[in-house]
Amino acid sequence: MTLLVQASMSLSTRSTLLLPKRLLTLHSFSCKMSSDSPPLTHSLALPSQLAAEPVQIVAAPNVSSSQFRMAIDSSLFKQWLKNMESETGILRDGSLYLKRVLIQGVDMFGKRIGFLKFEADVIDKETGKKVPGIVFARGPAVAVLILLESVGKSYAVLTEQVRVPVGRIILELPAGMLDDDKGDFLGTAIREVEEETGISLKQEDMVDLTAFLDQSTGCRMFPSPGGCDEELSLYLYRGQVDKEIIEQLQGKETGIREHGELIKVRVLPYEKLWRMTADAKVLTAVALYEMAKREGLLPPLKT
């Protein structure tokens, strides 16, 4: 298999990846603006709670009226509501109900919402107590485990990035958020790999590791479900390259500098990978890869 390593390359990533997914029905909801201000408020009626009072959506004092409207109309908020009422959602059996949502913060990525922070008052009907419900919404993302065979040895391609939230430089998989709500997970994965490593991959060579999960999981991985809605699709690429390619990749500086990305490519022997980073994406991808390999679920390596 030929592996292309270059600064950039035009890729065609418009084809759709067909994966076995549990179909979820997106319910419509009514939304009404209050004339009283401050605070800014909306009310909405969820199909699962038609017998209850409408859910009150409230803006924190620091959230402007335009941010408030954008938050409620955003794919992040709508997907969260969809998840709540899905077949495996927490509102499904009626033991819990959503009473109030406080929109606390909105971070814009250009003209779209990148991050949304809110607090949801979800009440246990039996006890009347609130269930912890502080939410950092950032939506779906992808990551890719790249394994390169060279001279009888397997190597993993990682990125070394500055991660301000943890105050450390982290070795991790090439990864990125979806830019919109169209759900092009595979196309996003291929694009992120090229931007962060310079490696150009083909769709037909990618394996969705999270597709091996049970259908009840939604075939995605949640890195931090106690506080964040992020759901990851983890992909695998395996290829064979000359030793010179490994040497060219090691220490290569990549990323989009105007976006603040300070990235270096690091290549590690695969056998040492699980001990060399604390990145949850890496560790989960390794576990899925090893289990899928053990059960014979992986396609043969192309030569």
Protein backbone atom coordinates (compact mmCIF):
# COMPACT_ATOMS: atom_id res chain seq x y z
CA MET A 1 0.00 0.00 0.00
CA THR A 2 1.29 3.45 -0.85
CA LEU A 3 1.25 6.06 1.91
CA LEU A 4 1.48 9.68 0.84
CA VAL A 5 3.19 12.13 3.21
CA GLN A 6 2.97 15.77 2.19
CA ALA A 7 2.08 19.25 3.41
CA SER A 8 -1.40 19.33 1.94
CA MET A 9 -3.45 17.61 -0.72
CA SER A 10 -6.95 17.99 -2.12
CA LEU A 11 -9.05 15.08 -0.89
CA SER A 12 -12.46 13.84 -1.91
CA THR A 13 -14.35 12.95 1.27
CA ARG A 14 -17.94 13.33 0.25
CA SER A 15 -18.95 9.68 0.26
CA THR A 16 -21.10 8.47 3.12
CA LEU A 17 -19.91 5.85 5.60
CA LEU A 18 -22.68 3.36 6.27
CA LEU A 19 -22.47 2.05 9.81
CA PRO A 20 -24.95 0.02 11.81
CA LYS A 21 -26.60 2.59 14.04
CA ARG A 22 -29.69 2.58 16.20
CA LEU A 23 -32.11 4.98 14.57
CA LEU A 24 -33.23 7.81 16.83
CA THR A 25 -36.25 9.95 16.13
CA LEU A 26 -35.71 13.67 16.57
CA HIS A 27 -38.81 15.03 18.26
CA SER A 28 -39.97 18.53 17.50
CA PHE A 29 -40.55 20.90 20.36
CA SER A 30 -42.34 24.20 20.76
CA CYS A 31 -40.34 27.27 21.76
CA LYS A 32 -41.84 30.53 23.01
CA MET A 33 -40.03 33.81 23.72
CA SER A 34 -40.98 35.67 26.87
CA SER A 35 -41.52 39.41 26.62
CA ASP A 36 -40.17 39.92 30.14
CA SER A 37 -36.48 40.76 30.27
CA PRO A 38 -34.22 40.35 32.17
CA PRO A 39 -33.74 37.47 32.51
CA LEU A 40 -34.12 36.11 29.00
CA THR A 41 -36.35 33.06 29.04
CA HIS A 42 -37.83 30.48 26.72
CA SER A 43 -40.22 27.66 27.42
CA LEU A 44 -40.41 24.39 25.55
CA ALA A 45 -42.61 21.32 25.72
CA LEU A 46 -40.89 17.98 25.36
CA PRO A 47 -42.94 15.12 23.87
CA SER A 48 -41.92 12.88 26.78
CA GLN A 49 -43.19 15.45 29.30
CA LEU A 50 -46.44 16.70 27.75
CA ALA A 51 -48.28 16.16 31.03
CA ALA A 52 -45.75 18.25 32.96
CA GLU A 53 -45.04 21.96 33.04
CA PRO A 54 -43.00 23.29 30.08
CA VAL A 55 -39.25 23.27 30.54
CA GLN A 56 -37.90 26.73 31.35
CA ILE A 57 -34.78 27.80 29.47
CA VAL A 58 -33.06 30.76 31.15
CA ALA A 59 -30.04 32.85 30.16
CA ALA A 60 -27.38 33.76 32.70
CA PRO A 61 -26.75 37.54 33.00
CA ASN A 62 -23.57 37.34 30.91
CA VAL A 63 -25.34 35.70 27.93
CA SER A 64 -26.65 38.16 25.32
CA SER A 65 -30.00 37.80 23.62
CA SER A 66 -28.36 36.81 20.32
CA GLN A 67 -26.19 34.19 22.05
CA PHE A 68 -29.25 32.88 23.86
CA ARG A 69 -31.19 32.41 20.63
CA MET A 70 -28.22 30.82 18.91
CA ALA A 71 -27.71 28.44 21.85
CA ILE A 72 -31.30 27.19 21.73
CA ASP A 73 -31.20 26.84 17.93
CA SER A 74 -27.77 25.17 17.90
CA SER A 75 -27.20 21.58 16.84
CA LEU A 76 -25.40 21.04 20.18
CA PHE A 77 -28.51 21.84 22.23
CA LYS A 78 -30.92 20.05 19.89
CA GLN A 79 -28.77 16.91 19.87
CA TRP A 80 -28.64 16.94 23.67
CA LEU A 81 -32.45 17.07 23.81
CA LYS A 82 -32.61 14.28 21.24
CA ASN A 83 -30.28 12.13 23.34
CA MET A 84 -32.39 12.78 26.45
CA GLU A 85 -35.50 11.41 24.72
CA SER A 86 -33.90 8.62 22.70
CA GLU A 87 -34.55 4.93 23.35
CA THR A 88 -31.68 4.87 25.83
CA GLY A 89 -32.25 8.44 27.05
CA ILE A 90 -32.73 9.32 30.71
CA LEU A 91 -36.22 10.77 30.18
CA ARG A 92 -37.50 7.72 28.35
CA ASP A 93 -39.07 5.75 31.22
CA GLY A 94 -40.57 8.76 32.99
CA SER A 95 -38.70 8.33 36.29
CA LEU A 96 -36.79 11.57 35.67
CA TYR A 97 -37.94 14.86 34.22
CA LEU A 98 -36.26 18.00 32.92
CA LYS A 99 -37.44 21.10 34.79
CA ARG A 100 -35.07 23.92 33.86
CA VAL A 101 -31.97 24.71 31.81
CA LEU A 102 -29.66 27.64 32.60
CA ILE A 103 -27.52 28.70 29.61
CA GLN A 104 -24.26 29.86 31.22
CA GLY A 105 -21.76 30.34 28.41
CA VAL A 106 -21.41 30.39 24.62
CA ASP A 107 -18.07 30.20 22.76
CA MET A 108 -18.15 31.00 19.07
CA PHE A 109 -15.98 29.37 16.39
CA GLY A 110 -16.40 31.97 13.67
CA LYS A 111 -20.13 32.14 12.95
CA ARG A 112 -21.06 28.90 14.68
CA ILE A 113 -21.19 27.80 18.30
CA GLY A 114 -18.15 25.74 19.22
CA PHE A 115 -18.75 25.21 22.94
CA LEU A 116 -21.92 25.58 24.98
CA LYS A 117 -22.10 25.41 28.78
CA PHE A 118 -25.36 25.00 30.66
CA GLU A 119 -26.85 23.55 33.82
CA ALA A 120 -29.84 21.23 33.54
CA ASP A 121 -32.20 20.64 36.45
CA VAL A 122 -33.12 16.98 36.02
CA ILE A 123 -35.35 15.79 38.84
CA ASP A 124 -35.77 12.29 40.25
CA LYS A 125 -39.54 11.93 40.67
CA GLU A 126 -39.22 9.42 43.51
CA THR A 127 -36.99 11.55 45.74
CA GLY A 128 -37.60 15.02 44.32
CA LYS A 129 -33.82 15.54 44.25
CA LYS A 130 -31.75 16.97 41.41
CA VAL A 131 -29.43 14.71 39.44
CA PRO A 132 -26.01 16.32 38.76
CA GLY A 133 -26.45 18.14 35.48
CA ILE A 134 -23.68 20.61 34.60
CA VAL A 135 -23.03 20.17 30.87
CA PHE A 136 -20.10 21.21 28.68
CA ALA A 137 -21.40 20.62 25.16
CA ARG A 138 -18.94 20.37 22.30
CA GLY A 139 -20.54 17.71 20.13
CA PRO A 140 -19.13 14.81 18.12
CA ALA A 141 -15.47 14.30 17.23
CA VAL A 142 -13.16 11.76 15.62
CA ALA A 143 -9.71 10.30 16.22
CA VAL A 144 -7.51 7.96 14.20
CA LEU A 145 -5.09 5.24 15.30
CA ILE A 146 -2.44 5.12 12.55
CA LEU A 147 -0.26 2.01 12.54
CA LEU A 148 2.60 1.78 10.05
CA GLU A 149 4.51 -1.42 9.39
CA SER A 150 8.17 -0.91 8.48
CA VAL A 151 11.00 -3.43 8.36
CA GLY A 152 9.07 -5.95 10.44
CA LYS A 153 8.10 -3.47 13.16
CA SER A 154 4.84 -1.63 13.87
CA TYR A 155 4.78 2.10 14.65
CA ALA A 156 2.03 4.42 15.87
CA VAL A 157 1.76 7.99 14.58
CA LEU A 158 0.83 10.50 17.28
CA THR A 159 0.63 14.25 17.65
CA GLU A 160 2.35 16.23 20.40
CA GLN A 161 0.16 19.19 21.34
CA VAL A 162 -0.02 21.97 23.90
CA ARG A 163 -3.17 21.36 25.98
CA VAL A 164 -3.92 24.39 28.13
CA PRO A 165 -6.84 22.81 30.11
CA VAL A 166 -4.48 20.26 31.68
CA GLY A 167 -1.43 22.54 31.58
CA ARG A 168 0.65 19.91 29.81
CA ILE A 169 2.00 18.80 26.45
CA ILE A 170 0.13 15.64 25.50
CA LEU A 171 0.86 12.81 23.08
CA GLU A 172 -2.42 11.90 21.44
CA LEU A 173 -4.10 10.55 18.34
CA PRO A 174 -4.75 12.85 15.39
CA ALA A 175 -8.26 14.08 16.16
CA GLY A 176 -10.77 16.84 15.65
CA MET A 177 -14.33 18.07 16.05
CA LEU A 178 -16.94 17.92 13.33
CA ASP A 179 -17.27 21.34 11.74
CA ASP A 180 -21.05 21.08 11.26
CA ASP A 181 -24.03 18.89 12.06
CA LYS A 182 -24.00 16.94 8.78
CA GLY A 183 -22.30 13.99 10.44
CA ASP A 184 -19.37 13.42 8.07
CA PHE A 185 -17.30 11.50 10.60
CA LEU A 186 -15.08 9.66 8.13
CA GLY A 187 -14.40 12.73 6.02
CA THR A 188 -13.51 14.71 9.14
CA ALA A 189 -11.14 11.96 10.29
CA ILE A 190 -9.27 11.93 6.99
CA ARG A 191 -9.04 15.72 6.91
CA GLU A 192 -7.75 15.94 10.49
CA VAL A 193 -5.06 13.34 9.81
CA GLU A 194 -3.80 15.33 6.83
CA GLU A 195 -3.84 18.64 8.72
CA GLU A 196 -2.09 17.26 11.79
CA THR A 197 0.38 14.78 10.27
CA GLY A 198 0.60 15.52 6.53
CA ILE A 199 -0.52 11.95 5.77
CA SER A 200 -3.14 11.54 3.06
CA LEU A 201 -5.44 8.56 3.59
CA LYS A 202 -8.19 6.94 1.53
CA GLN A 203 -11.66 6.18 2.84
CA GLU A 204 -11.56 2.54 1.75
CA ASP A 205 -8.49 1.94 3.94
CA MET A 206 -10.16 3.13 7.16
CA VAL A 207 -11.74 0.86 9.77
CA ASP A 208 -14.28 2.23 12.26
CA LEU A 209 -13.25 0.65 15.55
CA THR A 210 -16.26 2.04 17.42
CA ALA A 211 -18.58 0.28 14.96
CA PHE A 212 -17.60 -2.97 16.71
CA LEU A 213 -19.32 -1.79 19.90
CA ASP A 214 -22.78 -3.10 20.76
CA GLN A 215 -25.62 -1.25 19.06
CA SER A 216 -27.00 -0.17 22.43
CA THR A 217 -23.95 2.10 22.89
CA GLY A 218 -24.70 4.13 19.79
CA CYS A 219 -21.33 2.90 18.46
CA ARG A 220 -19.50 5.93 19.82
CA MET A 221 -17.19 6.45 22.80
CA PHE A 222 -17.87 9.01 25.56
CA PRO A 223 -14.54 10.19 27.08
CA SER A 224 -16.08 12.13 29.99
CA PRO A 225 -19.87 11.56 30.27
CA GLY A 226 -20.02 13.01 33.78
CA GLY A 227 -19.56 16.53 32.45
CA CYS A 228 -19.22 16.59 28.67
CA ASP A 229 -21.42 15.43 25.79
CA GLU A 230 -18.48 14.72 23.45
CA GLU A 231 -18.87 11.44 21.57
CA LEU A 232 -15.99 9.99 19.58
CA SER A 233 -15.75 7.77 16.56
CA LEU A 234 -12.37 6.02 16.62
CA TYR A 235 -10.85 4.88 13.33
CA LEU A 236 -7.94 2.62 12.45
CA TYR A 237 -5.54 2.89 9.53
CA ARG A 238 -2.87 0.26 8.86
CA GLY A 239 -0.26 0.54 6.15
CA GLN A 240 3.22 -0.53 5.10
CA VAL A 241 5.94 2.05 4.48
CA ASP A 242 9.68 2.33 3.97
CA LYS A 243 11.89 3.24 6.91
CA GLU A 244 12.50 6.66 5.32
CA ILE A 245 8.83 7.58 5.82
CA ILE A 246 9.09 6.90 9.55
CA GLU A 247 12.15 9.14 9.72
CA GLN A 248 10.45 11.93 7.75
CA LEU A 249 7.43 11.92 10.06
CA GLN A 250 9.38 12.01 13.33
CA GLY A 251 9.36 15.55 14.74
CA LYS A 252 7.55 17.08 11.76
CA GLU A 253 5.84 20.39 12.63
CA THR A 254 2.25 20.58 11.42
CA GLY A 255 -1.13 22.09 12.26
CA ILE A 256 -2.77 25.33 11.20
CA ARG A 257 -0.73 28.01 12.97
CA GLU A 258 -3.29 30.76 12.35
CA HIS A 259 -5.73 28.62 14.37
CA GLY A 260 -3.25 28.39 17.23
CA GLU A 261 -2.30 24.77 16.53
CA LEU A 262 1.24 23.96 17.71
CA ILE A 263 1.70 20.35 16.67
CA LYS A 264 4.65 18.01 16.26
CA VAL A 265 4.38 14.50 14.87
CA ARG A 266 5.78 11.74 17.05
CA VAL A 267 6.27 8.13 15.97
CA LEU A 268 6.44 5.44 18.65
CA PRO A 269 6.86 1.67 18.52
CA TYR A 270 3.34 0.27 18.87
CA GLU A 271 4.40 -2.15 21.58
CA LYS A 272 5.25 0.80 23.85
CA LEU A 273 2.26 2.96 22.97
CA TRP A 274 -0.04 1.98 25.85
CA ARG A 275 2.54 3.09 28.43
CA MET A 276 3.71 6.32 26.78
CA THR A 277 0.60 8.51 26.96
CA ALA A 278 -2.37 9.17 29.22
CA ASP A 279 -4.58 10.22 26.30
CA ALA A 280 -7.94 8.45 26.64
CA LYS A 281 -8.34 8.31 22.86
CA VAL A 282 -5.10 6.37 22.49
CA LEU A 283 -5.85 3.93 25.29
CA THR A 284 -9.40 3.27 24.11
CA ALA A 285 -8.32 2.83 20.49
CA VAL A 286 -5.62 0.35 21.54
CA ALA A 287 -8.15 -1.64 23.58
CA LEU A 288 -10.67 -1.74 20.72
CA TYR A 289 -7.97 -2.64 18.20
CA GLU A 290 -6.58 -5.48 20.29
CA MET A 291 -10.04 -6.91 21.05
CA ALA A 292 -11.17 -6.66 17.43
CA LYS A 293 -7.93 -8.35 16.32
CA ARG A 294 -8.37 -11.11 18.89
CA GLU A 295 -11.90 -11.84 17.68
CA GLY A 296 -10.97 -11.77 14.01
CA LEU A 297 -13.05 -8.70 13.14
CA LEU A 298 -10.37 -6.74 11.30
CA PRO A 299 -9.94 -6.92 7.52
CA PRO A 300 -6.58 -8.25 6.29
CA LEU A 301 -3.76 -5.76 5.97
CA LYS A 302 -3.38 -4.66 2.36
CA THR A 303 0.03 -5.00 0.77
